Structure formats: C-alpha cells, structure tokens
C-alpha atoms as a PDB file:
ATOM      1  CA  UNK A   1     104.972  60.656 110.312  1.00  0.00           C
ATOM      2  CA  UNK A   2     102.492  58.332 111.930  1.00  0.00           C
ATOM      3  CA  UNK A   3      99.976  56.559 109.742  1.00  0.00           C
ATOM      4  CA  UNK A   4      97.198  54.388 111.073  1.00  0.00           C
ATOM      5  CA  UNK A   5      96.003  51.365 109.093  1.00  0.00           C
ATOM      6  CA  UNK A   6      93.267  53.372 107.360  1.00  0.00           C
ATOM      7  CA  UNK A   7      95.813  56.000 106.223  1.00  0.00           C
ATOM      8  CA  UNK A   8      98.156  53.289 105.017  1.00  0.00           C
ATOM      9  CA  UNK A   9      95.376  51.591 103.078  1.00  0.00           C
ATOM     10  CA  UNK A  10      94.253  54.842 101.446  1.00  0.00           C
ATOM     11  CA  UNK A  11      97.801  55.734 100.438  1.00  0.00           C
ATOM     12  CA  UNK A  12      98.393  52.178  99.228  1.00  0.00           C
ATOM     13  CA  UNK A  13      95.318  52.427  96.987  1.00  0.00           C
ATOM     14  CA  UNK A  14      96.406  55.833  95.693  1.00  0.00           C
ATOM     15  CA  UNK A  15      99.837  54.514  94.791  1.00  0.00           C
ATOM     16  CA  UNK A  16      98.270  51.466  93.078  1.00  0.00           C
ATOM     17  CA  UNK A  17      96.132  53.793  90.952  1.00  0.00           C
ATOM     18  CA  UNK A  18      99.142  55.996  90.147  1.00  0.00           C
ATOM     19  CA  UNK A  19     101.104  52.885  89.220  1.00  0.00           C
ATOM     20  CA  UNK A  20      98.497  52.128  86.539  1.00  0.00           C
ATOM     21  CA  UNK A  21      98.159  55.727  85.363  1.00  0.00           C
ATOM     22  CA  UNK A  22     101.898  56.369  85.084  1.00  0.00           C
ATOM     23  CA  UNK A  23     103.678  53.197  83.966  1.00  0.00           C
ATOM     24  CA  UNK A  24     106.983  55.048  83.651  1.00  0.00           C
ATOM     25  CA  UNK A  25     106.869  55.679  87.418  1.00  0.00           C
ATOM     26  CA  UNK A  26     105.487  52.250  88.310  1.00  0.00           C
ATOM     27  CA  UNK A  27     108.677  51.102  90.046  1.00  0.00           C
ATOM     28  CA  UNK A  28     108.552  53.992  92.513  1.00  0.00           C
ATOM     29  CA  UNK A  29     104.860  53.486  93.244  1.00  0.00           C
ATOM     30  CA  UNK A  30     105.399  49.747  93.687  1.00  0.00           C
ATOM     31  CA  UNK A  31     108.143  50.535  96.218  1.00  0.00           C
ATOM     32  CA  UNK A  32     105.822  52.895  98.093  1.00  0.00           C
ATOM     33  CA  UNK A  33     103.162  50.176  98.204  1.00  0.00           C
ATOM     34  CA  UNK A  34     105.664  47.717  99.641  1.00  0.00           C
ATOM     35  CA  UNK A  35     106.726  50.238 102.294  1.00  0.00           C
ATOM     36  CA  UNK A  36     103.071  50.742 103.303  1.00  0.00           C
ATOM     37  CA  UNK A  37     102.214  47.034 103.259  1.00  0.00           C
ATOM     38  CA  UNK A  38     105.217  46.216 105.401  1.00  0.00           C
ATOM     39  CA  UNK A  39     104.775  49.139 107.794  1.00  0.00           C
ATOM     40  CA  UNK A  40     108.301  50.461 107.214  1.00  0.00           C
ATOM     41  CA  UNK A  41     107.605  53.685 109.129  1.00  0.00           C
ATOM     42  CA  UNK A  42     111.187  54.888 108.689  1.00  0.00           C
ATOM     43  CA  UNK A  43     110.494  55.281 104.946  1.00  0.00           C
ATOM     44  CA  UNK A  44     107.122  57.048 105.099  1.00  0.00           C
ATOM     45  CA  UNK A  45     108.887  60.350 104.527  1.00  0.00           C
ATOM     46  CA  UNK A  46     109.904  59.049 101.075  1.00  0.00           C
ATOM     47  CA  UNK A  47     106.328  59.762  99.981  1.00  0.00           C
ATOM     48  CA  UNK A  48     106.624  63.473 100.568  1.00  0.00           C
ATOM     49  CA  UNK A  49     110.333  64.312 100.635  1.00  0.00           C
ATOM     50  CA  UNK A  50     109.761  66.880  97.872  1.00  0.00           C
ATOM     51  CA  UNK A  51     107.371  68.836 100.125  1.00  0.00           C
ATOM     52  CA  UNK A  52     108.688  72.050 101.604  1.00  0.00           C
ATOM     53  CA  UNK A  53     108.220  72.957 105.232  1.00  0.00           C
ATOM     54  CA  UNK A  54     105.046  74.926 105.845  1.00  0.00           C
ATOM     55  CA  UNK A  55     105.372  78.623 105.173  1.00  0.00           C
ATOM     56  CA  UNK A  56     105.225  80.609 108.424  1.00  0.00           C
ATOM     57  CA  UNK A  57     102.420  83.186 108.522  1.00  0.00           C
ATOM     58  CA  UNK A  58     105.005  85.885 109.294  1.00  0.00           C
ATOM     59  CA  UNK A  59     106.723  85.245 105.955  1.00  0.00           C
ATOM     60  CA  UNK A  60     103.437  85.274 104.044  1.00  0.00           C
ATOM     61  CA  UNK A  61     102.394  88.491 105.781  1.00  0.00           C
ATOM     62  CA  UNK A  62     105.730  90.134 104.959  1.00  0.00           C
ATOM     63  CA  UNK A  63     105.469  89.190 101.277  1.00  0.00           C
ATOM     64  CA  UNK A  64     101.918  90.577 101.167  1.00  0.00           C
ATOM     65  CA  UNK A  65     103.181  93.779 102.823  1.00  0.00           C
ATOM     66  CA  UNK A  66     105.987  94.125 100.282  1.00  0.00           C
ATOM     67  CA  UNK A  67     103.815  93.482  97.243  1.00  0.00           C
ATOM     68  CA  UNK A  68     101.013  95.710  98.561  1.00  0.00           C
ATOM     69  CA  UNK A  69     103.513  98.501  99.124  1.00  0.00           C
ATOM     70  CA  UNK A  70     104.771  98.165  95.539  1.00  0.00           C
ATOM     71  CA  UNK A  71     101.165  98.206  94.311  1.00  0.00           C
ATOM     72  CA  UNK A  72     100.622 101.532  96.090  1.00  0.00           C
ATOM     73  CA  UNK A  73     103.858 102.862  94.598  1.00  0.00           C
ATOM     74  CA  UNK A  74     102.845 101.684  91.117  1.00  0.00           C
ATOM     75  CA  UNK A  75      99.404 103.254  91.434  1.00  0.00           C
ATOM     76  CA  UNK A  76     100.972 106.473  92.713  1.00  0.00           C
ATOM     77  CA  UNK A  77     103.301 106.647  89.716  1.00  0.00           C
ATOM     78  CA  UNK A  78     100.355 106.060  87.371  1.00  0.00           C
ATOM     79  CA  UNK A  79      98.522 108.912  89.108  1.00  0.00           C
ATOM     80  CA  UNK A  80     101.333 111.375  88.314  1.00  0.00           C
ATOM     81  CA  UNK A  81     101.330 113.560  85.241  1.00  0.00           C
ATOM     82  CA  UNK A  82     103.379 112.354  82.271  1.00  0.00           C
ATOM     83  CA  UNK A  83     105.897 115.103  82.967  1.00  0.00           C
ATOM     84  CA  UNK A  84     106.332 114.068  86.607  1.00  0.00           C
ATOM     85  CA  UNK A  85     106.617 110.418  85.594  1.00  0.00           C
ATOM     86  CA  UNK A  86     109.456 111.308  83.239  1.00  0.00           C
ATOM     87  CA  UNK A  87     111.276 113.166  86.027  1.00  0.00           C
ATOM     88  CA  UNK A  88     111.173 110.125  88.316  1.00  0.00           C
ATOM     89  CA  UNK A  89     113.746 107.340  88.440  1.00  0.00           C
ATOM     90  CA  UNK A  90     111.338 104.413  88.492  1.00  0.00           C
ATOM     91  CA  UNK A  91     113.991 101.669  88.540  1.00  0.00           C
ATOM     92  CA  UNK A  92     114.415 101.886  92.318  1.00  0.00           C
ATOM     93  CA  UNK A  93     110.651 101.929  92.820  1.00  0.00           C
ATOM     94  CA  UNK A  94     109.986  98.540  91.260  1.00  0.00           C
ATOM     95  CA  UNK A  95     109.790  95.176  92.940  1.00  0.00           C
ATOM     96  CA  UNK A  96     113.114  93.426  92.390  1.00  0.00           C
ATOM     97  CA  UNK A  97     112.304  90.042  93.882  1.00  0.00           C
ATOM     98  CA  UNK A  98     114.027  88.361  96.806  1.00  0.00           C
ATOM     99  CA  UNK A  99     117.430  86.764  97.249  1.00  0.00           C
ATOM    100  CA  UNK A 100     116.917  83.061  96.588  1.00  0.00           C
ATOM    101  CA  UNK A 101     119.879  82.097  98.782  1.00  0.00           C
ATOM    102  CA  UNK A 102     118.901  84.110 101.862  1.00  0.00           C
ATOM    103  CA  UNK A 103     115.201  84.851 101.408  1.00  0.00           C
ATOM    104  CA  UNK A 104     114.084  81.638  99.752  1.00  0.00           C
ATOM    105  CA  UNK A 105     110.689  81.354 101.428  1.00  0.00           C
ATOM    106  CA  UNK A 106     109.875  84.976 100.563  1.00  0.00           C
ATOM    107  CA  UNK A 107     111.099  84.351  97.026  1.00  0.00           C
ATOM    108  CA  UNK A 108     108.987  81.209  96.559  1.00  0.00           C
ATOM    109  CA  UNK A 109     105.829  82.749  97.962  1.00  0.00           C
ATOM    110  CA  UNK A 110     106.149  85.934  95.916  1.00  0.00           C
ATOM    111  CA  UNK A 111     106.609  83.892  92.725  1.00  0.00           C
ATOM    112  CA  UNK A 112     103.535  81.830  93.648  1.00  0.00           C
ATOM    113  CA  UNK A 113     101.400  84.921  94.277  1.00  0.00           C
ATOM    114  CA  UNK A 114     102.465  86.667  91.088  1.00  0.00           C
ATOM    115  CA  UNK A 115     102.859  83.798  88.638  1.00  0.00           C
ATOM    116  CA  UNK A 116     100.512  81.050  89.854  1.00  0.00           C
ATOM    117  CA  UNK A 117      97.861  82.956  91.802  1.00  0.00           C
ATOM    118  CA  UNK A 118      97.800  85.846  89.268  1.00  0.00           C
ATOM    119  CA  UNK A 119      97.997  88.578  91.879  1.00  0.00           C
ATOM    120  CA  UNK A 120     100.131  91.705  91.935  1.00  0.00           C
ATOM    121  CA  UNK A 121     100.545  91.761  88.146  1.00  0.00           C
ATOM    122  CA  UNK A 122     102.313  95.119  88.415  1.00  0.00           C
ATOM    123  CA  UNK A 123     105.195  93.336  90.168  1.00  0.00           C
ATOM    124  CA  UNK A 124     105.598  90.667  87.480  1.00  0.00           C
ATOM    125  CA  UNK A 125     109.207  90.059  86.548  1.00  0.00           C
ATOM    126  CA  UNK A 126     111.000  87.785  84.139  1.00  0.00           C
ATOM    127  CA  UNK A 127     113.442  86.855  86.908  1.00  0.00           C
ATOM    128  CA  UNK A 128     112.642  87.031  90.643  1.00  0.00           C
ATOM    129  CA  UNK A 129     116.055  86.319  92.162  1.00  0.00           C
ATOM    130  CA  UNK A 130     117.508  89.647  93.280  1.00  0.00           C
ATOM    131  CA  UNK A 131     120.884  88.032  94.124  1.00  0.00           C
ATOM    132  CA  UNK A 132     121.119  90.365  97.072  1.00  0.00           C
ATOM    133  CA  UNK A 133     119.074  90.433 100.288  1.00  0.00           C
ATOM    134  CA  UNK A 134     116.164  92.847  99.911  1.00  0.00           C
ATOM    135  CA  UNK A 135     114.115  92.460 103.097  1.00  0.00           C
ATOM    136  CA  UNK A 136     115.809  95.230 105.057  1.00  0.00           C
ATOM    137  CA  UNK A 137     115.317  97.726 102.244  1.00  0.00           C
ATOM    138  CA  UNK A 138     111.741  96.607 101.645  1.00  0.00           C
ATOM    139  CA  UNK A 139     110.951  96.962 105.364  1.00  0.00           C
ATOM    140  CA  UNK A 140     112.315 100.508 105.376  1.00  0.00           C
ATOM    141  CA  UNK A 141     110.251 101.306 102.297  1.00  0.00           C
ATOM    142  CA  UNK A 142     107.126  99.805 103.902  1.00  0.00           C
ATOM    143  CA  UNK A 143     107.662 101.910 107.035  1.00  0.00           C
ATOM    144  CA  UNK A 144     107.941 105.034 104.901  1.00  0.00           C
ATOM    145  CA  UNK A 145     104.869 104.258 102.774  1.00  0.00           C
ATOM    146  CA  UNK A 146     102.767 103.206 105.780  1.00  0.00           C
ATOM    147  CA  UNK A 147     103.465 106.593 107.304  1.00  0.00           C
ATOM    148  CA  UNK A 148     101.579 108.223 104.427  1.00  0.00           C
ATOM    149  CA  UNK A 149      97.823 108.103 104.866  1.00  0.00           C
ATOM    150  CA  UNK A 150      96.912 109.422 101.434  1.00  0.00           C
ATOM    151  CA  UNK A 151      95.882 106.979  98.722  1.00  0.00           C
ATOM    152  CA  UNK A 152      98.685 108.126  96.442  1.00  0.00           C
ATOM    153  CA  UNK A 153     102.229 109.229  97.141  1.00  0.00           C
ATOM    154  CA  UNK A 154     103.293 112.567  95.725  1.00  0.00           C
ATOM    155  CA  UNK A 155     106.235 113.051  93.392  1.00  0.00           C
ATOM    156  CA  UNK A 156     108.337 114.334  96.299  1.00  0.00           C
ATOM    157  CA  UNK A 157     107.408 111.331  98.426  1.00  0.00           C
ATOM    158  CA  UNK A 158     108.222 108.929  95.588  1.00  0.00           C
ATOM    159  CA  UNK A 159     111.574 110.620  95.088  1.00  0.00           C
ATOM    160  CA  UNK A 160     112.296 110.311  98.800  1.00  0.00           C
ATOM    161  CA  UNK A 161     111.254 106.643  98.706  1.00  0.00           C
ATOM    162  CA  UNK A 162     113.581 105.971  95.790  1.00  0.00           C
ATOM    163  CA  UNK A 163     116.520 107.030  97.989  1.00  0.00           C
ATOM    164  CA  UNK A 164     115.835 104.396 100.643  1.00  0.00           C
END
C-alpha cells in the first residue's frame, strides 16, 4: 500500500483519536502512529490485515442467483395447495448454505445478505456451513429453474427439482 503524506496524517489522527476512545487498545494504536510517523511502509498492511480480499462480482452474482432461485422455489411451494405441500419433500428444496472450506466467499456473502442485510429471509438458517460443496448442485438447480418461464413452479417441477 502506498500512502502519501496527507493519507499518513489522516490515518495518524484517526489512530490518535481511537487511542483516546479505546484505552484498552491504546498500545496498538500507538504502534500504528509510530509506523505512520516513521514511514515504515513495510508495516502499513498491519492496519488492515483483518480485511478480506474484495469479493469478485462473479461470486456476488452467483450468490444472488442461488438465493433468488430458492426464493422462487419457496414462493412456488407456498403457492401449492396444502395437500400438494404435504406430498412434497421440502428438505431438498431449501437453501443449505455453502461449504465454508471450499466456498468460503460464497458462504460469507450469503450470510451477510441474509443476516446483516436482511434479505432473503426465506433462506435464513441457524447454521450456514453445508460441510459439503454445494455450488455444482445449486448451478444445476438454477439451470432447471431458469428454464421455467412461469412465476411459480408446479408440483411436478418441484419434485423434479428435488431430485437434482
């Protein structure tokens, strides 16, 4: 990271303020101030080492596609009669999260959208780690659902989807 003198001064002032606001963290903020004062460029990354890499648009788009598909499935189930709903195995038609080990960016973004951004409430879970990669299955499900132009899927279509 490159910081010009103005950036360094602004960050220095921010860390000085934080040092006063959070005395328990004062030692860390004092260290950051010293790094900035001294121009120790090698250590600038210490200020943001907890930041994640930026989320690629492709990942965000895929998560939106997955959650939107599950919204359409949810709405389709709600549109069925009570009898048809009872004859449908809904467990395979629910969002099951993403594998934290292999799909971590998808996992993190889906949790943000559902829990922090209060979207896709129908996909809310108590635990979002599927412990198994889900993207391939979700992509197949999306392809199937996108091939249906109607607003709601029929019982037969939902049953077919549950076998993917």
